[in-house]
Amino acid sequence: LFPTRRQAWQVRTAATSWLYGQLKLTINPKNDVVIKVSAGLHWLGH
């Protein structure tokens, strides 16, 4: 959770790059989302 959408996108970009560069891991595009908290979300059965 981040205070702004901009910060969320910046961290998402940096984390995705780091995961691939250091660990050769990719993130499933279906689960890689940035949304407002007010929209709510279904996550791990919740």
ModelCIF file with pLDDT and N, C-alpha, C, O atoms, coordinates in Angstrom:
data_MODEL
#
_entry.id   MODEL 
#
_entity.id                         1 
_entity.type                       polymer 
_entity.pdbx_number_of_molecules   1 
#
_entity_poly.entity_id                      1 
_entity_poly.type                           'polypeptide(L)' 
_entity_poly.nstd_linkage                   no 
_entity_poly.nstd_monomer                   no 
_entity_poly.pdbx_seq_one_letter_code       LFPTRRQAWQVRTAATSWLYGQLKLTINPKNDVVIKVSAGLHWLGH 
_entity_poly.pdbx_seq_one_letter_code_can   LFPTRRQAWQVRTAATSWLYGQLKLTINPKNDVVIKVSAGLHWLGH 
_entity_poly.pdbx_strand_id                 A 
#
loop_
_entity_poly_seq.entity_id 
_entity_poly_seq.num 
_entity_poly_seq.mon_id 
_entity_poly_seq.hetero 
1 1  LEU n 
1 2  PHE n 
1 3  PRO n 
1 4  THR n 
1 5  ARG n 
1 6  ARG n 
1 7  GLN n 
1 8  ALA n 
1 9  TRP n 
1 10 GLN n 
1 11 VAL n 
1 12 ARG n 
1 13 THR n 
1 14 ALA n 
1 15 ALA n 
1 16 THR n 
1 17 SER n 
1 18 TRP n 
1 19 LEU n 
1 20 TYR n 
1 21 GLY n 
1 22 GLN n 
1 23 LEU n 
1 24 LYS n 
1 25 LEU n 
1 26 THR n 
1 27 ILE n 
1 28 ASN n 
1 29 PRO n 
1 30 LYS n 
1 31 ASN n 
1 32 ASP n 
1 33 VAL n 
1 34 VAL n 
1 35 ILE n 
1 36 LYS n 
1 37 VAL n 
1 38 SER n 
1 39 ALA n 
1 40 GLY n 
1 41 LEU n 
1 42 HIS n 
1 43 TRP n 
1 44 LEU n 
1 45 GLY n 
1 46 HIS n 
#
_struct_asym.id          A 
_struct_asym.entity_id   1 
#
loop_
_ma_qa_metric.id 
_ma_qa_metric.mode 
_ma_qa_metric.name 
_ma_qa_metric.software_group_id 
_ma_qa_metric.type 
1 global pLDDT . pLDDT 
2 local  pLDDT . pLDDT 
#
_ma_qa_metric_global.metric_id      1 
_ma_qa_metric_global.metric_value   88.09 
_ma_qa_metric_global.model_id       1 
_ma_qa_metric_global.ordinal_id     1 
#
loop_
_ma_qa_metric_local.label_asym_id 
_ma_qa_metric_local.label_comp_id 
_ma_qa_metric_local.label_seq_id 
_ma_qa_metric_local.metric_id 
_ma_qa_metric_local.metric_value 
_ma_qa_metric_local.model_id 
_ma_qa_metric_local.ordinal_id 
A LEU 1  2 86.00 1 1  
A PHE 2  2 89.00 1 2  
A PRO 3  2 89.00 1 3  
A THR 4  2 90.00 1 4  
A ARG 5  2 91.00 1 5  
A ARG 6  2 93.00 1 6  
A GLN 7  2 92.00 1 7  
A ALA 8  2 91.00 1 8  
A TRP 9  2 92.00 1 9  
A GLN 10 2 91.00 1 10 
A VAL 11 2 89.00 1 11 
A ARG 12 2 89.00 1 12 
A THR 13 2 90.00 1 13 
A ALA 14 2 89.00 1 14 
A ALA 15 2 87.00 1 15 
A THR 16 2 88.00 1 16 
A SER 17 2 90.00 1 17 
A TRP 18 2 87.00 1 18 
A LEU 19 2 87.00 1 19 
A TYR 20 2 91.00 1 20 
A GLY 21 2 93.00 1 21 
A GLN 22 2 90.00 1 22 
A LEU 23 2 92.00 1 23 
A LYS 24 2 95.00 1 24 
A LEU 25 2 91.00 1 25 
A THR 26 2 91.00 1 26 
A ILE 27 2 89.00 1 27 
A ASN 28 2 88.00 1 28 
A PRO 29 2 88.00 1 29 
A LYS 30 2 86.00 1 30 
A ASN 31 2 82.00 1 31 
A ASP 32 2 86.00 1 32 
A VAL 33 2 88.00 1 33 
A VAL 34 2 90.00 1 34 
A ILE 35 2 87.00 1 35 
A LYS 36 2 86.00 1 36 
A VAL 37 2 80.00 1 37 
A SER 38 2 81.00 1 38 
A ALA 39 2 85.00 1 39 
A GLY 40 2 83.00 1 40 
A LEU 41 2 86.00 1 41 
A HIS 42 2 84.00 1 42 
A TRP 43 2 84.00 1 43 
A LEU 44 2 86.00 1 44 
A GLY 45 2 85.00 1 45 
A HIS 46 2 85.00 1 46 
#
loop_
_atom_site.group_PDB 
_atom_site.id 
_atom_site.type_symbol 
_atom_site.label_atom_id 
_atom_site.label_alt_id 
_atom_site.label_comp_id 
_atom_site.label_asym_id 
_atom_site.label_entity_id 
_atom_site.label_seq_id 
_atom_site.pdbx_PDB_ins_code 
_atom_site.Cartn_x 
_atom_site.Cartn_y 
_atom_site.Cartn_z 
_atom_site.occupancy 
_atom_site.B_iso_or_equiv 
_atom_site.pdbx_formal_charge 
_atom_site.auth_seq_id 
_atom_site.auth_comp_id 
_atom_site.auth_asym_id 
_atom_site.auth_atom_id 
_atom_site.pdbx_PDB_model_num 
ATOM 1   N N  . LEU A 1 1  ? 0.836   -1.190  0.000   1.00 86.00 ? 1  LEU A N  1 
ATOM 2   C CA . LEU A 1 1  ? 0.000   0.000   0.000   1.00 86.00 ? 1  LEU A CA 1 
ATOM 3   C C  . LEU A 1 1  ? 0.875   1.246   0.000   1.00 86.00 ? 1  LEU A C  1 
ATOM 4   O O  . LEU A 1 1  ? 1.804   1.372   0.798   1.00 86.00 ? 1  LEU A O  1 
ATOM 5   N N  . PHE A 1 2  ? 0.559   2.172   -0.919  1.00 89.00 ? 2  PHE A N  1 
ATOM 6   C CA . PHE A 1 2  ? 1.297   3.426   -1.053  1.00 89.00 ? 2  PHE A CA 1 
ATOM 7   C C  . PHE A 1 2  ? 0.322   4.594   -1.039  1.00 89.00 ? 2  PHE A C  1 
ATOM 8   O O  . PHE A 1 2  ? -0.849  4.429   -1.381  1.00 89.00 ? 2  PHE A O  1 
ATOM 9   N N  . PRO A 1 3  ? 0.796   5.775   -0.645  1.00 89.00 ? 3  PRO A N  1 
ATOM 10  C CA . PRO A 1 3  ? -0.113  6.927   -0.579  1.00 89.00 ? 3  PRO A CA 1 
ATOM 11  C C  . PRO A 1 3  ? -0.567  7.427   -1.947  1.00 89.00 ? 3  PRO A C  1 
ATOM 12  O O  . PRO A 1 3  ? -1.648  8.004   -2.061  1.00 89.00 ? 3  PRO A O  1 
ATOM 13  N N  . THR A 1 4  ? 0.247   7.214   -2.999  1.00 90.00 ? 4  THR A N  1 
ATOM 14  C CA . THR A 1 4  ? -0.138  7.694   -4.321  1.00 90.00 ? 4  THR A CA 1 
ATOM 15  C C  . THR A 1 4  ? 0.039   6.595   -5.365  1.00 90.00 ? 4  THR A C  1 
ATOM 16  O O  . THR A 1 4  ? 0.844   5.677   -5.205  1.00 90.00 ? 4  THR A O  1 
ATOM 17  N N  . ARG A 1 5  ? -0.733  6.720   -6.430  1.00 91.00 ? 5  ARG A N  1 
ATOM 18  C CA . ARG A 1 5  ? -0.632  5.779   -7.543  1.00 91.00 ? 5  ARG A CA 1 
ATOM 19  C C  . ARG A 1 5  ? 0.753   5.877   -8.184  1.00 91.00 ? 5  ARG A C  1 
ATOM 20  O O  . ARG A 1 5  ? 1.318   4.868   -8.607  1.00 91.00 ? 5  ARG A O  1 
ATOM 21  N N  . ARG A 1 6  ? 1.294   7.089   -8.254  1.00 93.00 ? 6  ARG A N  1 
ATOM 22  C CA . ARG A 1 6  ? 2.620   7.299   -8.852  1.00 93.00 ? 6  ARG A CA 1 
ATOM 23  C C  . ARG A 1 6  ? 3.695   6.506   -8.098  1.00 93.00 ? 6  ARG A C  1 
ATOM 24  O O  . ARG A 1 6  ? 4.531   5.851   -8.720  1.00 93.00 ? 6  ARG A O  1 
ATOM 25  N N  . GLN A 1 7  ? 3.674   6.564   -6.764  1.00 92.00 ? 7  GLN A N  1 
ATOM 26  C CA . GLN A 1 7  ? 4.646   5.806   -5.973  1.00 92.00 ? 7  GLN A CA 1 
ATOM 27  C C  . GLN A 1 7  ? 4.472   4.308   -6.195  1.00 92.00 ? 7  GLN A C  1 
ATOM 28  O O  . GLN A 1 7  ? 5.454   3.571   -6.289  1.00 92.00 ? 7  GLN A O  1 
ATOM 29  N N  . ALA A 1 8  ? 3.240   3.868   -6.277  1.00 91.00 ? 8  ALA A N  1 
ATOM 30  C CA . ALA A 1 8  ? 2.974   2.439   -6.503  1.00 91.00 ? 8  ALA A CA 1 
ATOM 31  C C  . ALA A 1 8  ? 3.568   1.990   -7.834  1.00 91.00 ? 8  ALA A C  1 
ATOM 32  O O  . ALA A 1 8  ? 4.190   0.930   -7.903  1.00 91.00 ? 8  ALA A O  1 
ATOM 33  N N  . TRP A 1 9  ? 3.386   2.781   -8.892  1.00 92.00 ? 9  TRP A N  1 
ATOM 34  C CA . TRP A 1 9  ? 3.931   2.420   -10.197 1.00 92.00 ? 9  TRP A CA 1 
ATOM 35  C C  . TRP A 1 9  ? 5.462   2.447   -10.195 1.00 92.00 ? 9  TRP A C  1 
ATOM 36  O O  . TRP A 1 9  ? 6.100   1.602   -10.823 1.00 92.00 ? 9  TRP A O  1 
ATOM 37  N N  . GLN A 1 10 ? 6.048   3.413   -9.494  1.00 91.00 ? 10 GLN A N  1 
ATOM 38  C CA . GLN A 1 10 ? 7.511   3.480   -9.421  1.00 91.00 ? 10 GLN A CA 1 
ATOM 39  C C  . GLN A 1 10 ? 8.076   2.243   -8.732  1.00 91.00 ? 10 GLN A C  1 
ATOM 40  O O  . GLN A 1 10 ? 9.038   1.647   -9.216  1.00 91.00 ? 10 GLN A O  1 
ATOM 41  N N  . VAL A 1 11 ? 7.488   1.859   -7.616  1.00 89.00 ? 11 VAL A N  1 
ATOM 42  C CA . VAL A 1 11 ? 7.962   0.673   -6.894  1.00 89.00 ? 11 VAL A CA 1 
ATOM 43  C C  . VAL A 1 11 ? 7.701   -0.581  -7.713  1.00 89.00 ? 11 VAL A C  1 
ATOM 44  O O  . VAL A 1 11 ? 8.540   -1.482  -7.751  1.00 89.00 ? 11 VAL A O  1 
ATOM 45  N N  . ARG A 1 12 ? 6.551   -0.649  -8.366  1.00 89.00 ? 12 ARG A N  1 
ATOM 46  C CA . ARG A 1 12 ? 6.242   -1.808  -9.200  1.00 89.00 ? 12 ARG A CA 1 
ATOM 47  C C  . ARG A 1 12 ? 7.293   -1.991  -10.288 1.00 89.00 ? 12 ARG A C  1 
ATOM 48  O O  . ARG A 1 12 ? 7.768   -3.103  -10.518 1.00 89.00 ? 12 ARG A O  1 
ATOM 49  N N  . THR A 1 13 ? 7.654   -0.899  -10.955 1.00 90.00 ? 13 THR A N  1 
ATOM 50  C CA . THR A 1 13 ? 8.658   -0.956  -12.025 1.00 90.00 ? 13 THR A CA 1 
ATOM 51  C C  . THR A 1 13 ? 10.019  -1.383  -11.470 1.00 90.00 ? 13 THR A C  1 
ATOM 52  O O  . THR A 1 13 ? 10.684  -2.244  -12.045 1.00 90.00 ? 13 THR A O  1 
ATOM 53  N N  . ALA A 1 14 ? 10.429  -0.786  -10.363 1.00 89.00 ? 14 ALA A N  1 
ATOM 54  C CA . ALA A 1 14 ? 11.724  -1.126  -9.763  1.00 89.00 ? 14 ALA A CA 1 
ATOM 55  C C  . ALA A 1 14 ? 11.745  -2.577  -9.273  1.00 89.00 ? 14 ALA A C  1 
ATOM 56  O O  . ALA A 1 14 ? 12.732  -3.285  -9.474  1.00 89.00 ? 14 ALA A O  1 
ATOM 57  N N  . ALA A 1 15 ? 10.665  -3.016  -8.634  1.00 87.00 ? 15 ALA A N  1 
ATOM 58  C CA . ALA A 1 15 ? 10.605  -4.383  -8.107  1.00 87.00 ? 15 ALA A CA 1 
ATOM 59  C C  . ALA A 1 15 ? 10.616  -5.409  -9.228  1.00 87.00 ? 15 ALA A C  1 
ATOM 60  O O  . ALA A 1 15 ? 11.293  -6.432  -9.128  1.00 87.00 ? 15 ALA A O  1 
ATOM 61  N N  . THR A 1 16 ? 9.876   -5.146  -10.285 1.00 88.00 ? 16 THR A N  1 
ATOM 62  C CA . THR A 1 16 ? 9.841   -6.063  -11.422 1.00 88.00 ? 16 THR A CA 1 
ATOM 63  C C  . THR A 1 16 ? 11.223  -6.187  -12.047 1.00 88.00 ? 16 THR A C  1 
ATOM 64  O O  . THR A 1 16 ? 11.666  -7.289  -12.371 1.00 88.00 ? 16 THR A O  1 
ATOM 65  N N  . SER A 1 17 ? 11.896  -5.069  -12.215 1.00 90.00 ? 17 SER A N  1 
ATOM 66  C CA . SER A 1 17 ? 13.254  -5.085  -12.775 1.00 90.00 ? 17 SER A CA 1 
ATOM 67  C C  . SER A 1 17 ? 14.216  -5.835  -11.866 1.00 90.00 ? 17 SER A C  1 
ATOM 68  O O  . SER A 1 17 ? 15.023  -6.633  -12.342 1.00 90.00 ? 17 SER A O  1 
ATOM 69  N N  . TRP A 1 18 ? 14.138  -5.589  -10.569 1.00 87.00 ? 18 TRP A N  1 
ATOM 70  C CA . TRP A 1 18 ? 15.031  -6.241  -9.629  1.00 87.00 ? 18 TRP A CA 1 
ATOM 71  C C  . TRP A 1 18 ? 14.794  -7.755  -9.602  1.00 87.00 ? 18 TRP A C  1 
ATOM 72  O O  . TRP A 1 18 ? 15.744  -8.538  -9.633  1.00 87.00 ? 18 TRP A O  1 
ATOM 73  N N  . LEU A 1 19 ? 13.517  -8.160  -9.545  1.00 87.00 ? 19 LEU A N  1 
ATOM 74  C CA . LEU A 1 19 ? 13.205  -9.589  -9.522  1.00 87.00 ? 19 LEU A CA 1 
ATOM 75  C C  . LEU A 1 19 ? 13.746  -10.303 -10.755 1.00 87.00 ? 19 LEU A C  1 
ATOM 76  O O  . LEU A 1 19 ? 14.283  -11.406 -10.652 1.00 87.00 ? 19 LEU A O  1 
ATOM 77  N N  . TYR A 1 20 ? 13.605  -9.676  -11.916 1.00 91.00 ? 20 TYR A N  1 
ATOM 78  C CA . TYR A 1 20 ? 14.101  -10.316 -13.129 1.00 91.00 ? 20 TYR A CA 1 
ATOM 79  C C  . TYR A 1 20 ? 15.627  -10.250 -13.199 1.00 91.00 ? 20 TYR A C  1 
ATOM 80  O O  . TYR A 1 20 ? 16.274  -11.240 -13.543 1.00 91.00 ? 20 TYR A O  1 
ATOM 81  N N  . GLY A 1 21 ? 16.203  -9.098  -12.875 1.00 93.00 ? 21 GLY A N  1 
ATOM 82  C CA . GLY A 1 21 ? 17.652  -8.934  -12.970 1.00 93.00 ? 21 GLY A CA 1 
ATOM 83  C C  . GLY A 1 21 ? 18.429  -9.786  -11.987 1.00 93.00 ? 21 GLY A C  1 
ATOM 84  O O  . GLY A 1 21 ? 19.452  -10.367 -12.349 1.00 93.00 ? 21 GLY A O  1 
ATOM 85  N N  . GLN A 1 22 ? 17.964  -9.871  -10.750 1.00 90.00 ? 22 GLN A N  1 
ATOM 86  C CA . GLN A 1 22 ? 18.685  -10.597 -9.705  1.00 90.00 ? 22 GLN A CA 1 
ATOM 87  C C  . GLN A 1 22 ? 18.300  -12.066 -9.604  1.00 90.00 ? 22 GLN A C  1 
ATOM 88  O O  . GLN A 1 22 ? 19.154  -12.919 -9.359  1.00 90.00 ? 22 GLN A O  1 
ATOM 89  N N  . LEU A 1 23 ? 17.021  -12.364 -9.792  1.00 92.00 ? 23 LEU A N  1 
ATOM 90  C CA . LEU A 1 23 ? 16.529  -13.723 -9.537  1.00 92.00 ? 23 LEU A CA 1 
ATOM 91  C C  . LEU A 1 23 ? 15.970  -14.429 -10.771 1.00 92.00 ? 23 LEU A C  1 
ATOM 92  O O  . LEU A 1 23 ? 15.577  -15.594 -10.702 1.00 92.00 ? 23 LEU A O  1 
ATOM 93  N N  . LYS A 1 24 ? 15.936  -13.720 -11.895 1.00 95.00 ? 24 LYS A N  1 
ATOM 94  C CA . LYS A 1 24 ? 15.358  -14.264 -13.134 1.00 95.00 ? 24 LYS A CA 1 
ATOM 95  C C  . LYS A 1 24 ? 13.902  -14.700 -12.942 1.00 95.00 ? 24 LYS A C  1 
ATOM 96  O O  . LYS A 1 24 ? 13.463  -15.701 -13.509 1.00 95.00 ? 24 LYS A O  1 
ATOM 97  N N  . LEU A 1 25 ? 13.167  -13.940 -12.140 1.00 91.00 ? 25 LEU A N  1 
ATOM 98  C CA . LEU A 1 25 ? 11.752  -14.208 -11.897 1.00 91.00 ? 25 LEU A CA 1 
ATOM 99  C C  . LEU A 1 25 ? 10.900  -13.197 -12.641 1.00 91.00 ? 25 LEU A C  1 
ATOM 100 O O  . LEU A 1 25 ? 11.269  -12.030 -12.775 1.00 91.00 ? 25 LEU A O  1 
ATOM 101 N N  . THR A 1 26 ? 9.756   -13.658 -13.122 1.00 91.00 ? 26 THR A N  1 
ATOM 102 C CA . THR A 1 26 ? 8.799   -12.748 -13.753 1.00 91.00 ? 26 THR A CA 1 
ATOM 103 C C  . THR A 1 26 ? 7.514   -12.754 -12.933 1.00 91.00 ? 26 THR A C  1 
ATOM 104 O O  . THR A 1 26 ? 7.237   -13.697 -12.192 1.00 91.00 ? 26 THR A O  1 
ATOM 105 N N  . ILE A 1 27 ? 6.745   -11.696 -13.078 1.00 89.00 ? 27 ILE A N  1 
ATOM 106 C CA . ILE A 1 27 ? 5.474   -11.569 -12.361 1.00 89.00 ? 27 ILE A CA 1 
ATOM 107 C C  . ILE A 1 27 ? 4.347   -11.868 -13.330 1.00 89.00 ? 27 ILE A C  1 
ATOM 108 O O  . ILE A 1 27 ? 4.344   -11.393 -14.466 1.00 89.00 ? 27 ILE A O  1 
ATOM 109 N N  . ASN A 1 28 ? 3.390   -12.658 -12.870 1.00 88.00 ? 28 ASN A N  1 
ATOM 110 C CA . ASN A 1 28 ? 2.232   -12.987 -13.686 1.00 88.00 ? 28 ASN A CA 1 
ATOM 111 C C  . ASN A 1 28 ? 1.456   -11.696 -13.963 1.00 88.00 ? 28 ASN A C  1 
ATOM 112 O O  . ASN A 1 28 ? 1.011   -11.040 -13.021 1.00 88.00 ? 28 ASN A O  1 
ATOM 113 N N  . PRO A 1 29 ? 1.284   -11.320 -15.230 1.00 88.00 ? 29 PRO A N  1 
ATOM 114 C CA . PRO A 1 29 ? 0.587   -10.072 -15.561 1.00 88.00 ? 29 PRO A CA 1 
ATOM 115 C C  . PRO A 1 29 ? -0.839  -10.005 -15.005 1.00 88.00 ? 29 PRO A C  1 
ATOM 116 O O  . PRO A 1 29 ? -1.340  -8.921  -14.707 1.00 88.00 ? 29 PRO A O  1 
ATOM 117 N N  . LYS A 1 30 ? -1.479  -11.148 -14.868 1.00 86.00 ? 30 LYS A N  1 
ATOM 118 C CA . LYS A 1 30 ? -2.842  -11.190 -14.330 1.00 86.00 ? 30 LYS A CA 1 
ATOM 119 C C  . LYS A 1 30 ? -2.876  -10.688 -12.883 1.00 86.00 ? 30 LYS A C  1 
ATOM 120 O O  . LYS A 1 30 ? -3.855  -10.078 -12.454 1.00 86.00 ? 30 LYS A O  1 
ATOM 121 N N  . ASN A 1 31 ? -1.815  -10.946 -12.148 1.00 82.00 ? 31 ASN A N  1 
ATOM 122 C CA . ASN A 1 31 ? -1.775  -10.590 -10.727 1.00 82.00 ? 31 ASN A CA 1 
ATOM 123 C C  . ASN A 1 31 ? -0.983  -9.325  -10.446 1.00 82.00 ? 31 ASN A C  1 
ATOM 124 O O  . ASN A 1 31 ? -0.843  -8.931  -9.288  1.00 82.00 ? 31 ASN A O  1 
ATOM 125 N N  . ASP A 1 32 ? -0.473  -8.696  -11.459 1.00 86.00 ? 32 ASP A N  1 
ATOM 126 C CA . ASP A 1 32 ? 0.341   -7.497  -11.307 1.00 86.00 ? 32 ASP A CA 1 
ATOM 127 C C  . ASP A 1 32 ? -0.527  -6.276  -11.573 1.00 86.00 ? 32 ASP A C  1 
ATOM 128 O O  . ASP A 1 32 ? -0.613  -5.796  -12.703 1.00 86.00 ? 32 ASP A O  1 
ATOM 129 N N  . VAL A 1 33 ? -1.169  -5.778  -10.518 1.00 88.00 ? 33 VAL A N  1 
ATOM 130 C CA . VAL A 1 33 ? -2.106  -4.673  -10.683 1.00 88.00 ? 33 VAL A CA 1 
ATOM 131 C C  . VAL A 1 33 ? -1.811  -3.547  -9.703  1.00 88.00 ? 33 VAL A C  1 
ATOM 132 O O  . VAL A 1 33 ? -1.292  -3.772  -8.610  1.00 88.00 ? 33 VAL A O  1 
ATOM 133 N N  . VAL A 1 34 ? -2.146  -2.352  -10.111 1.00 90.00 ? 34 VAL A N  1 
ATOM 134 C CA . VAL A 1 34 ? -2.105  -1.182  -9.239  1.00 90.00 ? 34 VAL A CA 1 
ATOM 135 C C  . VAL A 1 34 ? -3.517  -0.613  -9.245  1.00 90.00 ? 34 VAL A C  1 
ATOM 136 O O  . VAL A 1 34 ? -4.015  -0.195  -10.291 1.00 90.00 ? 34 VAL A O  1 
ATOM 137 N N  . ILE A 1 35 ? -4.158  -0.594  -8.094  1.00 87.00 ? 35 ILE A N  1 
ATOM 138 C CA . ILE A 1 35 ? -5.536  -0.108  -7.991  1.00 87.00 ? 35 ILE A CA 1 
ATOM 139 C C  . ILE A 1 35 ? -5.686  0.778   -6.765  1.00 87.00 ? 35 ILE A C  1 
ATOM 140 O O  . ILE A 1 35 ? -4.849  0.761   -5.862  1.00 87.00 ? 35 ILE A O  1 
ATOM 141 N N  . LYS A 1 36 ? -6.761  1.550   -6.745  1.00 86.00 ? 36 LYS A N  1 
ATOM 142 C CA . LYS A 1 36 ? -7.089  2.346   -5.563  1.00 86.00 ? 36 LYS A CA 1 
ATOM 143 C C  . LYS A 1 36 ? -7.636  1.424   -4.484  1.00 86.00 ? 36 LYS A C  1 
ATOM 144 O O  . LYS A 1 36 ? -8.358  0.472   -4.781  1.00 86.00 ? 36 LYS A O  1 
ATOM 145 N N  . VAL A 1 37 ? -7.296  1.702   -3.249  1.00 80.00 ? 37 VAL A N  1 
ATOM 146 C CA . VAL A 1 37 ? -7.799  0.902   -2.135  1.00 80.00 ? 37 VAL A CA 1 
ATOM 147 C C  . VAL A 1 37 ? -9.317  0.948   -2.089  1.00 80.00 ? 37 VAL A C  1 
ATOM 148 O O  . VAL A 1 37 ? -9.961  -0.045  -1.753  1.00 80.00 ? 37 VAL A O  1 
ATOM 149 N N  . SER A 1 38 ? -9.885  2.086   -2.423  1.00 81.00 ? 38 SER A N  1 
ATOM 150 C CA . SER A 1 38 ? -11.344 2.230   -2.370  1.00 81.00 ? 38 SER A CA 1 
ATOM 151 C C  . SER A 1 38 ? -12.056 1.287   -3.331  1.00 81.00 ? 38 SER A C  1 
ATOM 152 O O  . SER A 1 38 ? -13.235 0.990   -3.138  1.00 81.00 ? 38 SER A O  1 
ATOM 153 N N  . ALA A 1 39 ? -11.359 0.807   -4.367  1.00 85.00 ? 39 ALA A N  1 
ATOM 154 C CA . ALA A 1 39 ? -11.965 -0.124  -5.316  1.00 85.00 ? 39 ALA A CA 1 
ATOM 155 C C  . ALA A 1 39 ? -12.120 -1.514  -4.718  1.00 85.00 ? 39 ALA A C  1 
ATOM 156 O O  . ALA A 1 39 ? -12.967 -2.287  -5.166  1.00 85.00 ? 39 ALA A O  1 
ATOM 157 N N  . GLY A 1 40 ? -11.311 -1.846  -3.709  1.00 83.00 ? 40 GLY A N  1 
ATOM 158 C CA . GLY A 1 40 ? -11.343 -3.168  -3.111  1.00 83.00 ? 40 GLY A CA 1 
ATOM 159 C C  . GLY A 1 40 ? -10.726 -4.200  -4.041  1.00 83.00 ? 40 GLY A C  1 
ATOM 160 O O  . GLY A 1 40 ? -10.574 -3.957  -5.238  1.00 83.00 ? 40 GLY A O  1 
ATOM 161 N N  . LEU A 1 41 ? -10.373 -5.345  -3.488  1.00 86.00 ? 41 LEU A N  1 
ATOM 162 C CA . LEU A 1 41 ? -9.814  -6.396  -4.312  1.00 86.00 ? 41 LEU A CA 1 
ATOM 163 C C  . LEU A 1 41 ? -9.986  -7.746  -3.666  1.00 86.00 ? 41 LEU A C  1 
ATOM 164 O O  . LEU A 1 41 ? -10.137 -7.851  -2.448  1.00 86.00 ? 41 LEU A O  1 
ATOM 165 N N  . HIS A 1 42 ? -9.963  -8.780  -4.481  1.00 84.00 ? 42 HIS A N  1 
ATOM 166 C CA . HIS A 1 42 ? -9.988  -10.152 -3.992  1.00 84.00 ? 42 HIS A CA 1 
ATOM 167 C C  . HIS A 1 42 ? -8.552  -10.638 -3.997  1.00 84.00 ? 42 HIS A C  1 
ATOM 168 O O  . HIS A 1 42 ? -7.887  -10.625 -5.033  1.00 84.00 ? 42 HIS A O  1 
ATOM 169 N N  . TRP A 1 43 ? -8.071  -11.073 -2.823  1.00 84.00 ? 43 TRP A N  1 
ATOM 170 C CA . TRP A 1 43 ? -6.674  -11.474 -2.699  1.00 84.00 ? 43 TRP A CA 1 
ATOM 171 C C  . TRP A 1 43 ? -6.587  -12.659 -1.751  1.00 84.00 ? 43 TRP A C  1 
ATOM 172 O O  . TRP A 1 43 ? -6.982  -12.566 -0.589  1.00 84.00 ? 43 TRP A O  1 
ATOM 173 N N  . LEU A 1 44 ? -6.073  -13.764 -2.249  1.00 86.00 ? 44 LEU A N  1 
ATOM 174 C CA . LEU A 1 44 ? -5.885  -14.982 -1.458  1.00 86.00 ? 44 LEU A CA 1 
ATOM 175 C C  . LEU A 1 44 ? -7.152  -15.414 -0.727  1.00 86.00 ? 44 LEU A C  1 
ATOM 176 O O  . LEU A 1 44 ? -7.112  -15.764 0.452   1.00 86.00 ? 44 LEU A O  1 
ATOM 177 N N  . GLY A 1 45 ? -8.274  -15.386 -1.441  1.00 85.00 ? 45 GLY A N  1 
ATOM 178 C CA . GLY A 1 45 ? -9.534  -15.835 -0.867  1.00 85.00 ? 45 GLY A CA 1 
ATOM 179 C C  . GLY A 1 45 ? -10.193 -14.849 0.071   1.00 85.00 ? 45 GLY A C  1 
ATOM 180 O O  . GLY A 1 45 ? -11.100 -15.216 0.817   1.00 85.00 ? 45 GLY A O  1 
ATOM 181 N N  . HIS A 1 46 ? -9.748  -13.591 0.045   1.00 85.00 ? 46 HIS A N  1 
ATOM 182 C CA . HIS A 1 46 ? -10.314 -12.564 0.906   1.00 85.00 ? 46 HIS A CA 1 
ATOM 183 C C  . HIS A 1 46 ? -10.803 -11.386 0.069   1.00 85.00 ? 46 HIS A C  1 
ATOM 184 O O  . HIS A 1 46 ? -11.317 -10.410 0.616   1.00 85.00 ? 46 HIS A O  1 
#
